[in-house]
Amino acid sequence: ASERLVAAGHDVTLLDAEPRAGGLIHSERRDGFLFETGPQAILSGR
């Protein structure tokens, strides 16, 4: 919403309670392994 509104010329402030952006989307890398702790992929065609 923020990106699209900014692209349309609006004055936007996004307030996020977390330092890390993305909410449930969270990828972690450890010892060469890459984990998805939330959503795992996106389906094309949209």
All heavy atoms as atom14 arrays in JSON, in Angstrom:
{
  "sequence": "ASERLVAAGHDVTLLDAEPRAGGLIHSERRDGFLFETGPQAILSGR",
  "atom14_mask": [
    [1, 1, 1, 1, 1, 0, 0, 0, 0, 0, 0, 0, 0, 0],
    [1, 1, 1, 1, 1, 1, 0, 0, 0, 0, 0, 0, 0, 0],
    [1, 1, 1, 1, 1, 1, 1, 1, 1, 0, 0, 0, 0, 0],
    [1, 1, 1, 1, 1, 1, 1, 1, 1, 1, 1, 0, 0, 0],
    [1, 1, 1, 1, 1, 1, 1, 1, 0, 0, 0, 0, 0, 0],
    [1, 1, 1, 1, 1, 1, 1, 0, 0, 0, 0, 0, 0, 0],
    [1, 1, 1, 1, 1, 0, 0, 0, 0, 0, 0, 0, 0, 0],
    [1, 1, 1, 1, 1, 0, 0, 0, 0, 0, 0, 0, 0, 0],
    [1, 1, 1, 1, 0, 0, 0, 0, 0, 0, 0, 0, 0, 0],
    [1, 1, 1, 1, 1, 1, 1, 1, 1, 1, 0, 0, 0, 0],
    [1, 1, 1, 1, 1, 1, 1, 1, 0, 0, 0, 0, 0, 0],
    [1, 1, 1, 1, 1, 1, 1, 0, 0, 0, 0, 0, 0, 0],
    [1, 1, 1, 1, 1, 1, 1, 0, 0, 0, 0, 0, 0, 0],
    [1, 1, 1, 1, 1, 1, 1, 1, 0, 0, 0, 0, 0, 0],
    [1, 1, 1, 1, 1, 1, 1, 1, 0, 0, 0, 0, 0, 0],
    [1, 1, 1, 1, 1, 1, 1, 1, 0, 0, 0, 0, 0, 0],
    [1, 1, 1, 1, 1, 0, 0, 0, 0, 0, 0, 0, 0, 0],
    [1, 1, 1, 1, 1, 1, 1, 1, 1, 0, 0, 0, 0, 0],
    [1, 1, 1, 1, 1, 1, 1, 0, 0, 0, 0, 0, 0, 0],
    [1, 1, 1, 1, 1, 1, 1, 1, 1, 1, 1, 0, 0, 0],
    [1, 1, 1, 1, 1, 0, 0, 0, 0, 0, 0, 0, 0, 0],
    [1, 1, 1, 1, 0, 0, 0, 0, 0, 0, 0, 0, 0, 0],
    [1, 1, 1, 1, 0, 0, 0, 0, 0, 0, 0, 0, 0, 0],
    [1, 1, 1, 1, 1, 1, 1, 1, 0, 0, 0, 0, 0, 0],
    [1, 1, 1, 1, 1, 1, 1, 1, 0, 0, 0, 0, 0, 0],
    [1, 1, 1, 1, 1, 1, 1, 1, 1, 1, 0, 0, 0, 0],
    [1, 1, 1, 1, 1, 1, 0, 0, 0, 0, 0, 0, 0, 0],
    [1, 1, 1, 1, 1, 1, 1, 1, 1, 0, 0, 0, 0, 0],
    [1, 1, 1, 1, 1, 1, 1, 1, 1, 1, 1, 0, 0, 0],
    [1, 1, 1, 1, 1, 1, 1, 1, 1, 1, 1, 0, 0, 0],
    [1, 1, 1, 1, 1, 1, 1, 1, 0, 0, 0, 0, 0, 0],
    [1, 1, 1, 1, 0, 0, 0, 0, 0, 0, 0, 0, 0, 0],
    [1, 1, 1, 1, 1, 1, 1, 1, 1, 1, 1, 0, 0, 0],
    [1, 1, 1, 1, 1, 1, 1, 1, 0, 0, 0, 0, 0, 0],
    [1, 1, 1, 1, 1, 1, 1, 1, 1, 1, 1, 0, 0, 0],
    [1, 1, 1, 1, 1, 1, 1, 1, 1, 0, 0, 0, 0, 0],
    [1, 1, 1, 1, 1, 1, 1, 0, 0, 0, 0, 0, 0, 0],
    [1, 1, 1, 1, 0, 0, 0, 0, 0, 0, 0, 0, 0, 0],
    [1, 1, 1, 1, 1, 1, 1, 0, 0, 0, 0, 0, 0, 0],
    [1, 1, 1, 1, 1, 1, 1, 1, 1, 0, 0, 0, 0, 0],
    [1, 1, 1, 1, 1, 0, 0, 0, 0, 0, 0, 0, 0, 0],
    [1, 1, 1, 1, 1, 1, 1, 1, 0, 0, 0, 0, 0, 0],
    [1, 1, 1, 1, 1, 1, 1, 1, 0, 0, 0, 0, 0, 0],
    [1, 1, 1, 1, 1, 1, 0, 0, 0, 0, 0, 0, 0, 0],
    [1, 1, 1, 1, 0, 0, 0, 0, 0, 0, 0, 0, 0, 0],
    [1, 1, 1, 1, 1, 1, 1, 1, 1, 1, 1, 0, 0, 0]
  ],
  "atom14_positions": [
    [[0.83, -1.2, 0.0], [0.0, 0.0, 0.0], [0.87, 1.25, 0.0], [0.62, 2.2, -0.75], [-0.93, -0.01, 1.21], [0.0, 0.0, 0.0], [0.0, 0.0, 0.0], [0.0, 0.0, 0.0], [0.0, 0.0, 0.0], [0.0, 0.0, 0.0], [0.0, 0.0, 0.0], [0.0, 0.0, 0.0], [0.0, 0.0, 0.0], [0.0, 0.0, 0.0]],
    [[1.91, 1.25, 0.83], [2.8, 2.41, 0.91], [3.5, 2.66, -0.41], [3.55, 3.8, -0.91], [3.83, 2.2, 2.02], [3.19, 2.05, 3.28], [0.0, 0.0, 0.0], [0.0, 0.0, 0.0], [0.0, 0.0, 0.0], [0.0, 0.0, 0.0], [0.0, 0.0, 0.0], [0.0, 0.0, 0.0], [0.0, 0.0, 0.0], [0.0, 0.0, 0.0]],
    [[4.06, 1.62, -1.0], [4.8, 1.78, -2.26], [3.89, 2.27, -3.37], [4.23, 3.19, -4.13], [5.45, 0.46, -2.65], [6.48, 0.56, -3.77], [5.85, 0.71, -5.14], [4.74, 0.17, -5.36], [6.47, 1.37, -6.01], [0.0, 0.0, 0.0], [0.0, 0.0, 0.0], [0.0, 0.0, 0.0], [0.0, 0.0, 0.0], [0.0, 0.0, 0.0]],
    [[2.7, 1.71, -3.48], [1.77, 2.09, -4.53], [1.27, 3.53, -4.33], [1.08, 4.28, -5.29], [0.59, 1.13, -4.57], [0.91, -0.3, -5.02], [1.22, -0.39, -6.52], [2.58, 0.04, -6.83], [3.0, 0.4, -8.03], [2.15, 0.41, -9.03], [4.24, 0.78, -8.23], [0.0, 0.0, 0.0], [0.0, 0.0, 0.0], [0.0, 0.0, 0.0]],
    [[1.03, 3.92, -3.07], [0.56, 5.27, -2.8], [1.65, 6.3, -3.07], [1.39, 7.38, -3.61], [0.08, 5.37, -1.34], [-1.25, 4.66, -1.05], [-1.48, 4.54, 0.45], [-2.42, 5.4, -1.71], [0.0, 0.0, 0.0], [0.0, 0.0, 0.0], [0.0, 0.0, 0.0], [0.0, 0.0, 0.0], [0.0, 0.0, 0.0], [0.0, 0.0, 0.0]],
    [[2.89, 5.97, -2.72], [4.01, 6.86, -3.03], [4.15, 7.01, -4.54], [4.35, 8.12, -5.07], [5.32, 6.34, -2.41], [6.52, 7.09, -2.96], [5.28, 6.46, -0.89], [0.0, 0.0, 0.0], [0.0, 0.0, 0.0], [0.0, 0.0, 0.0], [0.0, 0.0, 0.0], [0.0, 0.0, 0.0], [0.0, 0.0, 0.0], [0.0, 0.0, 0.0]],
    [[4.04, 5.89, -5.27], [4.15, 5.93, -6.73], [3.05, 6.8, -7.34], [3.25, 7.4, -8.41], [4.07, 4.52, -7.29], [0.0, 0.0, 0.0], [0.0, 0.0, 0.0], [0.0, 0.0, 0.0], [0.0, 0.0, 0.0], [0.0, 0.0, 0.0], [0.0, 0.0, 0.0], [0.0, 0.0, 0.0], [0.0, 0.0, 0.0], [0.0, 0.0, 0.0]],
    [[1.9, 6.89, -6.66], [0.79, 7.71, -7.15], [0.92, 9.17, -6.74], [0.04, 9.98, -7.06], [-0.54, 7.15, -6.66], [0.0, 0.0, 0.0], [0.0, 0.0, 0.0], [0.0, 0.0, 0.0], [0.0, 0.0, 0.0], [0.0, 0.0, 0.0], [0.0, 0.0, 0.0], [0.0, 0.0, 0.0], [0.0, 0.0, 0.0], [0.0, 0.0, 0.0]],
    [[1.98, 9.5, -5.99], [2.23, 10.89, -5.64], [1.76, 11.33, -4.28], [1.77, 12.52, -3.97], [0.0, 0.0, 0.0], [0.0, 0.0, 0.0], [0.0, 0.0, 0.0], [0.0, 0.0, 0.0], [0.0, 0.0, 0.0], [0.0, 0.0, 0.0], [0.0, 0.0, 0.0], [0.0, 0.0, 0.0], [0.0, 0.0, 0.0], [0.0, 0.0, 0.0]],
    [[1.34, 10.39, -3.43], [0.85, 10.76, -2.1], [2.01, 10.89, -1.1], [3.08, 10.3, -1.28], [-0.16, 9.73, -1.61], [-1.39, 9.65, -2.47], [-2.33, 10.65, -2.51], [-1.81, 8.7, -3.34], [-3.29, 10.31, -3.35], [-3.0, 9.14, -3.88], [0.0, 0.0, 0.0], [0.0, 0.0, 0.0], [0.0, 0.0, 0.0], [0.0, 0.0, 0.0]],
    [[1.77, 11.63, -0.04], [2.74, 11.83, 1.04], [2.47, 10.75, 2.1], [1.5, 10.85, 2.86], [2.57, 13.23, 1.63], [3.53, 13.5, 2.78], [4.43, 12.68, 3.02], [3.35, 14.55, 3.45], [0.0, 0.0, 0.0], [0.0, 0.0, 0.0], [0.0, 0.0, 0.0], [0.0, 0.0, 0.0], [0.0, 0.0, 0.0], [0.0, 0.0, 0.0]],
    [[3.31, 9.73, 2.13], [3.04, 8.53, 2.92], [4.04, 8.38, 4.06], [5.25, 8.57, 3.88], [3.1, 7.26, 2.04], [2.9, 6.0, 2.88], [2.05, 7.35, 0.93], [0.0, 0.0, 0.0], [0.0, 0.0, 0.0], [0.0, 0.0, 0.0], [0.0, 0.0, 0.0], [0.0, 0.0, 0.0], [0.0, 0.0, 0.0], [0.0, 0.0, 0.0]],
    [[3.53, 8.02, 5.23], [4.36, 7.58, 6.35], [3.93, 6.16, 6.71], [2.76, 5.94, 7.03], [4.21, 8.49, 7.57], [4.6, 9.83, 7.23], [5.08, 7.99, 8.72], [0.0, 0.0, 0.0], [0.0, 0.0, 0.0], [0.0, 0.0, 0.0], [0.0, 0.0, 0.0], [0.0, 0.0, 0.0], [0.0, 0.0, 0.0], [0.0, 0.0, 0.0]],
    [[4.86, 5.22, 6.65], [4.58, 3.84, 7.06], [5.09, 3.65, 8.48], [6.28, 3.85, 8.76], [5.27, 2.85, 6.12], [5.25, 1.38, 6.57], [3.83, 0.87, 6.67], [6.07, 0.51, 5.62], [0.0, 0.0, 0.0], [0.0, 0.0, 0.0], [0.0, 0.0, 0.0], [0.0, 0.0, 0.0], [0.0, 0.0, 0.0], [0.0, 0.0, 0.0]],
    [[4.21, 3.28, 9.37], [4.56, 3.04, 10.77], [4.64, 1.54, 11.01], [3.64, 0.83, 10.88], [3.5, 3.67, 11.68], [3.32, 5.19, 11.5], [2.06, 5.66, 12.2], [4.54, 5.93, 12.0], [0.0, 0.0, 0.0], [0.0, 0.0, 0.0], [0.0, 0.0, 0.0], [0.0, 0.0, 0.0], [0.0, 0.0, 0.0], [0.0, 0.0, 0.0]],
    [[5.82, 1.06, 11.32], [6.05, -0.38, 11.51], [6.58, -0.6, 12.92], [7.59, -0.01, 13.31], [7.07, -0.88, 10.48], [7.16, -2.4, 10.42], [6.65, -3.06, 11.34], [7.75, -2.92, 9.45], [0.0, 0.0, 0.0], [0.0, 0.0, 0.0], [0.0, 0.0, 0.0], [0.0, 0.0, 0.0], [0.0, 0.0, 0.0], [0.0, 0.0, 0.0]],
    [[5.91, -1.44, 13.69], [6.34, -1.68, 15.06], [7.63, -2.48, 15.14], [8.28, -2.51, 16.19], [5.22, -2.42, 15.82], [0.0, 0.0, 0.0], [0.0, 0.0, 0.0], [0.0, 0.0, 0.0], [0.0, 0.0, 0.0], [0.0, 0.0, 0.0], [0.0, 0.0, 0.0], [0.0, 0.0, 0.0], [0.0, 0.0, 0.0], [0.0, 0.0, 0.0]],
    [[8.01, -3.16, 14.05], [9.18, -4.02, 14.06], [10.32, -3.42, 13.24], [10.09, -2.87, 12.17], [8.83, -5.4, 13.48], [7.74, -6.14, 14.23], [8.15, -6.5, 15.64], [9.37, -6.71, 15.86], [7.27, -6.56, 16.51], [0.0, 0.0, 0.0], [0.0, 0.0, 0.0], [0.0, 0.0, 0.0], [0.0, 0.0, 0.0], [0.0, 0.0, 0.0]],
    [[11.55, -3.56, 13.72], [12.69, -3.08, 12.93], [12.82, -3.81, 11.59], [13.23, -3.22, 10.59], [13.91, -3.37, 13.83], [13.34, -3.47, 15.21], [11.97, -4.05, 15.06], [0.0, 0.0, 0.0], [0.0, 0.0, 0.0], [0.0, 0.0, 0.0], [0.0, 0.0, 0.0], [0.0, 0.0, 0.0], [0.0, 0.0, 0.0], [0.0, 0.0, 0.0]],
    [[12.49, -5.09, 11.59], [12.58, -5.89, 10.36], [11.27, -5.8, 9.61], [10.21, -6.09, 10.13], [12.89, -7.36, 10.71], [13.0, -8.28, 9.49], [13.09, -9.74, 9.92], [11.92, -10.14, 10.69], [10.75, -10.46, 10.15], [10.58, -10.42, 8.84], [9.74, -10.81, 10.92], [0.0, 0.0, 0.0], [0.0, 0.0, 0.0], [0.0, 0.0, 0.0]],
    [[11.34, -5.41, 8.34], [10.13, -5.3, 7.52], [9.67, -6.68, 7.06], [10.48, -7.6, 6.91], [10.4, -4.42, 6.3], [0.0, 0.0, 0.0], [0.0, 0.0, 0.0], [0.0, 0.0, 0.0], [0.0, 0.0, 0.0], [0.0, 0.0, 0.0], [0.0, 0.0, 0.0], [0.0, 0.0, 0.0], [0.0, 0.0, 0.0], [0.0, 0.0, 0.0]],
    [[8.37, -6.82, 6.83], [7.86, -8.05, 6.23], [6.86, -8.83, 7.03], [6.21, -9.73, 6.5], [0.0, 0.0, 0.0], [0.0, 0.0, 0.0], [0.0, 0.0, 0.0], [0.0, 0.0, 0.0], [0.0, 0.0, 0.0], [0.0, 0.0, 0.0], [0.0, 0.0, 0.0], [0.0, 0.0, 0.0], [0.0, 0.0, 0.0], [0.0, 0.0, 0.0]],
    [[6.69, -8.53, 8.31], [5.71, -9.27, 9.1], [6.02, -10.76, 9.14], [7.12, -11.18, 9.54], [0.0, 0.0, 0.0], [0.0, 0.0, 0.0], [0.0, 0.0, 0.0], [0.0, 0.0, 0.0], [0.0, 0.0, 0.0], [0.0, 0.0, 0.0], [0.0, 0.0, 0.0], [0.0, 0.0, 0.0], [0.0, 0.0, 0.0], [0.0, 0.0, 0.0]],
    [[5.04, -11.57, 8.71], [5.21, -13.03, 8.74], [6.26, -13.53, 7.76], [6.78, -14.63, 7.92], [3.87, -13.72, 8.44], [2.86, -13.82, 9.57], [1.55, -14.4, 9.03], [3.38, -14.69, 10.71], [0.0, 0.0, 0.0], [0.0, 0.0, 0.0], [0.0, 0.0, 0.0], [0.0, 0.0, 0.0], [0.0, 0.0, 0.0], [0.0, 0.0, 0.0]],
    [[6.58, -12.75, 6.74], [7.6, -13.16, 5.77], [8.97, -12.97, 6.41], [9.38, -11.85, 6.72], [7.5, -12.34, 4.47], [6.15, -12.55, 3.8], [8.63, -12.71, 3.52], [5.94, -11.69, 2.57], [0.0, 0.0, 0.0], [0.0, 0.0, 0.0], [0.0, 0.0, 0.0], [0.0, 0.0, 0.0], [0.0, 0.0, 0.0], [0.0, 0.0, 0.0]],
    [[9.67, -14.07, 6.63], [10.96, -14.01, 7.33], [11.86, -15.13, 6.84], [11.51, -16.31, 6.96], [10.73, -14.13, 8.84], [11.98, -13.93, 9.64], [12.1, -14.33, 10.95], [13.18, -13.38, 9.31], [13.31, -14.04, 11.4], [13.97, -13.46, 10.42], [0.0, 0.0, 0.0], [0.0, 0.0, 0.0], [0.0, 0.0, 0.0], [0.0, 0.0, 0.0]],
    [[12.99, -14.76, 6.27], [13.96, -15.74, 5.77], [15.2, -15.68, 6.66], [15.71, -14.6, 6.94], [14.34, -15.43, 4.32], [13.2, -15.24, 3.51], [0.0, 0.0, 0.0], [0.0, 0.0, 0.0], [0.0, 0.0, 0.0], [0.0, 0.0, 0.0], [0.0, 0.0, 0.0], [0.0, 0.0, 0.0], [0.0, 0.0, 0.0], [0.0, 0.0, 0.0]],
    [[15.69, -16.84, 7.06], [16.89, -16.92, 7.9], [17.92, -17.83, 7.24], [17.57, -18.91, 6.74], [16.57, -17.48, 9.29], [15.81, -16.53, 10.18], [15.74, -17.04, 11.62], [16.55, -17.93, 11.98], [14.88, -16.56, 12.37], [0.0, 0.0, 0.0], [0.0, 0.0, 0.0], [0.0, 0.0, 0.0], [0.0, 0.0, 0.0], [0.0, 0.0, 0.0]],
    [[19.18, -17.42, 7.28], [20.26, -18.25, 6.74], [21.19, -18.67, 7.87], [21.65, -17.83, 8.64], [21.04, -17.48, 5.66], [21.94, -18.37, 4.84], [22.68, -17.58, 3.77], [21.84, -17.16, 2.67], [21.46, -17.96, 1.67], [21.84, -19.23, 1.66], [20.71, -17.48, 0.7], [0.0, 0.0, 0.0], [0.0, 0.0, 0.0], [0.0, 0.0, 0.0]],
    [[21.42, -19.98, 7.96], [22.33, -20.52, 8.98], [23.16, -21.65, 8.37], [22.6, -22.61, 7.82], [21.56, -21.1, 10.17], [20.69, -20.14, 10.93], [20.03, -20.86, 12.1], [18.89, -20.12, 12.62], [17.98, -20.64, 13.45], [18.1, -21.9, 13.84], [16.97, -19.93, 13.87], [0.0, 0.0, 0.0], [0.0, 0.0, 0.0], [0.0, 0.0, 0.0]],
    [[24.47, -21.54, 8.51], [25.38, -22.61, 8.1], [25.1, -23.11, 6.68], [25.15, -24.32, 6.41], [25.31, -23.79, 9.08], [25.68, -23.37, 10.49], [26.55, -22.49, 10.64], [25.08, -23.89, 11.45], [0.0, 0.0, 0.0], [0.0, 0.0, 0.0], [0.0, 0.0, 0.0], [0.0, 0.0, 0.0], [0.0, 0.0, 0.0], [0.0, 0.0, 0.0]],
    [[24.75, -22.19, 5.79], [24.52, -22.58, 4.4], [23.09, -23.0, 4.1], [22.75, -23.22, 2.93], [0.0, 0.0, 0.0], [0.0, 0.0, 0.0], [0.0, 0.0, 0.0], [0.0, 0.0, 0.0], [0.0, 0.0, 0.0], [0.0, 0.0, 0.0], [0.0, 0.0, 0.0], [0.0, 0.0, 0.0], [0.0, 0.0, 0.0], [0.0, 0.0, 0.0]],
    [[22.23, -23.12, 5.11], [20.82, -23.45, 4.92], [20.0, -22.15, 4.96], [20.3, -21.24, 5.72], [20.31, -24.39, 6.01], [20.86, -25.79, 5.93], [22.07, -26.11, 6.53], [20.17, -26.79, 5.25], [22.58, -27.4, 6.46], [20.67, -28.07, 5.18], [21.88, -28.39, 5.79], [0.0, 0.0, 0.0], [0.0, 0.0, 0.0], [0.0, 0.0, 0.0]],
    [[18.95, -22.1, 4.14], [18.07, -20.94, 4.1], [16.66, -21.37, 4.49], [16.05, -22.19, 3.82], [18.06, -20.32, 2.7], [17.19, -19.08, 2.5], [17.62, -17.95, 3.42], [17.24, -18.63, 1.04], [0.0, 0.0, 0.0], [0.0, 0.0, 0.0], [0.0, 0.0, 0.0], [0.0, 0.0, 0.0], [0.0, 0.0, 0.0], [0.0, 0.0, 0.0]],
    [[16.17, -20.82, 5.61], [14.87, -21.21, 6.15], [13.83, -20.13, 5.89], [14.12, -18.95, 6.01], [14.95, -21.42, 7.67], [16.1, -22.25, 8.13], [17.1, -21.71, 8.94], [16.21, -23.57, 7.76], [18.16, -22.48, 9.37], [17.26, -24.35, 8.18], [18.25, -23.81, 8.99], [0.0, 0.0, 0.0], [0.0, 0.0, 0.0], [0.0, 0.0, 0.0]],
    [[12.61, -20.57, 5.6], [11.45, -19.67, 5.59], [10.63, -20.0, 6.83], [10.1, -21.1, 6.95], [10.62, -19.86, 4.32], [11.33, -19.53, 3.03], [11.59, -18.05, 2.83], [11.19, -17.23, 3.71], [12.19, -17.69, 1.81], [0.0, 0.0, 0.0], [0.0, 0.0, 0.0], [0.0, 0.0, 0.0], [0.0, 0.0, 0.0], [0.0, 0.0, 0.0]],
    [[10.52, -19.05, 7.74], [9.78, -19.31, 8.97], [8.29, -19.03, 8.83], [7.49, -19.41, 9.67], [10.34, -18.46, 10.14], [9.99, -17.1, 9.94], [11.86, -18.58, 10.2], [0.0, 0.0, 0.0], [0.0, 0.0, 0.0], [0.0, 0.0, 0.0], [0.0, 0.0, 0.0], [0.0, 0.0, 0.0], [0.0, 0.0, 0.0], [0.0, 0.0, 0.0]],
    [[7.92, -18.36, 7.74], [6.51, -18.06, 7.46], [6.16, -18.5, 6.06], [6.48, -19.63, 5.68], [0.0, 0.0, 0.0], [0.0, 0.0, 0.0], [0.0, 0.0, 0.0], [0.0, 0.0, 0.0], [0.0, 0.0, 0.0], [0.0, 0.0, 0.0], [0.0, 0.0, 0.0], [0.0, 0.0, 0.0], [0.0, 0.0, 0.0], [0.0, 0.0, 0.0]],
    [[5.51, -17.63, 5.25], [5.19, -18.01, 3.88], [6.44, -18.48, 3.14], [7.53, -17.92, 3.31], [4.64, -16.71, 3.28], [4.09, -15.96, 4.44], [5.0, -16.28, 5.58], [0.0, 0.0, 0.0], [0.0, 0.0, 0.0], [0.0, 0.0, 0.0], [0.0, 0.0, 0.0], [0.0, 0.0, 0.0], [0.0, 0.0, 0.0], [0.0, 0.0, 0.0]],
    [[6.26, -19.51, 2.3], [7.42, -20.18, 1.7], [7.66, -19.8, 0.25], [8.78, -19.89, -0.25], [7.19, -21.7, 1.83], [8.25, -22.57, 1.26], [7.78, -23.25, -0.02], [6.74, -22.93, -0.57], [8.58, -24.19, -0.5], [0.0, 0.0, 0.0], [0.0, 0.0, 0.0], [0.0, 0.0, 0.0], [0.0, 0.0, 0.0], [0.0, 0.0, 0.0]],
    [[6.62, -19.34, -0.46], [6.76, -19.02, -1.88], [5.57, -18.18, -2.3], [4.6, -18.0, -1.56], [6.85, -20.29, -2.73], [0.0, 0.0, 0.0], [0.0, 0.0, 0.0], [0.0, 0.0, 0.0], [0.0, 0.0, 0.0], [0.0, 0.0, 0.0], [0.0, 0.0, 0.0], [0.0, 0.0, 0.0], [0.0, 0.0, 0.0], [0.0, 0.0, 0.0]],
    [[5.66, -17.64, -3.51], [4.56, -16.89, -4.13], [4.2, -17.6, -5.42], [5.07, -18.14, -6.11], [4.98, -15.43, -4.43], [5.43, -14.73, -3.15], [3.83, -14.66, -5.08], [5.97, -13.32, -3.37], [0.0, 0.0, 0.0], [0.0, 0.0, 0.0], [0.0, 0.0, 0.0], [0.0, 0.0, 0.0], [0.0, 0.0, 0.0], [0.0, 0.0, 0.0]],
    [[2.92, -17.6, -5.76], [2.45, -18.23, -6.99], [2.36, -17.16, -8.08], [1.79, -16.08, -7.85], [1.09, -18.88, -6.76], [0.7, -20.05, -7.67], [1.72, -21.18, -7.59], [-0.68, -20.56, -7.3], [0.0, 0.0, 0.0], [0.0, 0.0, 0.0], [0.0, 0.0, 0.0], [0.0, 0.0, 0.0], [0.0, 0.0, 0.0], [0.0, 0.0, 0.0]],
    [[2.89, -17.46, -9.25], [2.9, -16.49, -10.34], [1.5, -16.32, -10.94], [0.57, -17.06, -10.62], [3.87, -16.96, -11.43], [3.38, -18.13, -12.05], [0.0, 0.0, 0.0], [0.0, 0.0, 0.0], [0.0, 0.0, 0.0], [0.0, 0.0, 0.0], [0.0, 0.0, 0.0], [0.0, 0.0, 0.0], [0.0, 0.0, 0.0], [0.0, 0.0, 0.0]],
    [[1.39, -15.34, -11.84], [0.15, -15.15, -12.58], [-0.75, -14.05, -12.07], [-1.84, -13.85, -12.61], [0.0, 0.0, 0.0], [0.0, 0.0, 0.0], [0.0, 0.0, 0.0], [0.0, 0.0, 0.0], [0.0, 0.0, 0.0], [0.0, 0.0, 0.0], [0.0, 0.0, 0.0], [0.0, 0.0, 0.0], [0.0, 0.0, 0.0], [0.0, 0.0, 0.0]],
    [[-0.32, -13.31, -11.05], [-1.14, -12.23, -10.51], [-0.57, -10.88, -10.95], [0.58, -10.55, -10.6], [-1.2, -12.32, -8.99], [-1.82, -13.62, -8.46], [-3.32, -13.67, -8.62], [-3.96, -12.79, -7.68], [-4.34, -13.15, -6.45], [-4.13, -14.39, -6.02], [-4.92, -12.28, -5.65], [0.0, 0.0, 0.0], [0.0, 0.0, 0.0], [0.0, 0.0, 0.0]]
  ]
}
